[in-house]
Protein backbone atom coordinates (compact mmCIF):
# COMPACT_ATOMS: atom_id res chain seq x y z
CA MET A 1 35.85 -21.73 -206.00
CA ARG A 2 35.44 -24.01 -208.79
CA PRO A 3 36.53 -23.08 -212.14
CA HIS A 4 34.07 -21.50 -214.99
CA ALA A 5 32.69 -24.25 -217.05
CA THR A 6 34.35 -22.47 -220.01
CA SER A 7 37.62 -21.98 -218.41
CA GLY A 8 40.53 -22.33 -221.08
CA VAL A 9 37.74 -22.37 -223.89
CA SER A 10 38.70 -20.25 -227.23
CA PRO A 11 36.02 -20.77 -229.57
CA SER A 12 37.39 -20.66 -233.16
CA ARG A 13 35.09 -19.33 -235.59
CA GLN A 14 35.13 -20.28 -239.25
CA LYS A 15 34.44 -17.35 -241.62
CA ILE A 16 31.81 -18.46 -244.10
CA SER A 17 32.15 -16.39 -247.52
CA THR A 18 30.82 -18.41 -249.99
CA GLU A 19 27.90 -20.94 -250.49
CA ALA A 20 30.41 -23.67 -250.53
CA ASP A 21 31.65 -22.86 -246.95
CA ALA A 22 27.95 -22.49 -245.67
CA SER A 23 27.27 -26.03 -247.14
CA ALA A 24 30.17 -27.56 -245.71
CA VAL A 25 29.18 -26.31 -242.38
CA LEU A 26 25.92 -27.66 -242.30
CA GLN A 27 26.94 -31.13 -243.56
CA ARG A 28 29.48 -31.42 -240.74
CA ASN A 29 27.03 -30.60 -238.04
CA GLY A 30 24.45 -33.52 -238.40
CA ILE A 31 21.45 -33.96 -236.16
CA CYS A 32 21.66 -36.46 -233.51
CA THR A 33 19.05 -39.07 -232.74
CA PRO A 34 17.79 -39.64 -229.06
CA ASP A 35 19.94 -42.91 -228.85
CA GLU A 36 23.04 -40.74 -230.14
CA ILE A 37 22.31 -38.26 -227.57
CA ARG A 38 21.85 -40.95 -224.94
CA LYS A 39 25.59 -42.45 -225.82
CA ILE A 40 27.11 -38.93 -225.53
CA LEU A 41 25.67 -37.84 -222.77
CA ALA A 42 26.30 -41.35 -220.93
CA ALA A 43 30.17 -40.83 -222.05
CA THR A 44 30.34 -37.31 -220.96
CA SER A 45 31.92 -35.73 -217.69
CA SER A 46 29.59 -34.53 -215.04
CA THR A 47 31.03 -31.09 -215.58
CA LEU A 48 30.15 -30.93 -219.56
CA ARG A 49 26.92 -33.15 -219.37
CA LEU A 50 24.70 -30.00 -218.27
CA THR A 51 26.15 -27.79 -221.18
CA LEU A 52 25.50 -30.51 -223.56
CA GLU A 53 22.11 -31.34 -222.09
CA ILE A 54 21.34 -27.53 -222.65
CA LYS A 55 22.40 -27.39 -226.07
CA ALA A 56 20.74 -30.72 -227.07
CA PHE A 57 17.37 -30.29 -225.69
CA SER A 58 16.90 -26.20 -225.53
CA GLY A 59 18.27 -25.19 -228.96
CA VAL A 60 20.08 -22.47 -227.31
CA ARG A 61 23.06 -21.49 -229.78
CA THR A 62 26.93 -22.57 -228.89
CA GLU A 63 27.66 -19.20 -228.84
CA GLU A 64 24.93 -18.03 -226.05
CA ILE A 65 26.36 -21.28 -224.13
CA VAL A 66 29.95 -20.18 -224.04
CA ARG A 67 28.84 -16.95 -222.70
CA LEU A 68 26.79 -18.64 -219.56
CA GLY A 69 28.03 -18.04 -216.13
CA TRP A 70 27.50 -20.79 -213.66
CA VAL A 71 26.61 -19.63 -209.75
CA THR A 72 26.92 -22.40 -207.28
């Protein structure tokens, strides 16, 4: 049986309690251009690629991706 895509992943969540905290998170999480996404996907293992493709092209939140169950 293959391991679950999120095996060993422990998402850390930053507590946002001020406007400055929220602004810092927004500045860290930029939007990628199509060329940047192409480069990222080309350099990614096949195990992680599907997760990144879903995130990049569907707008699914990271929290939702972490909870996906893969059936093969």
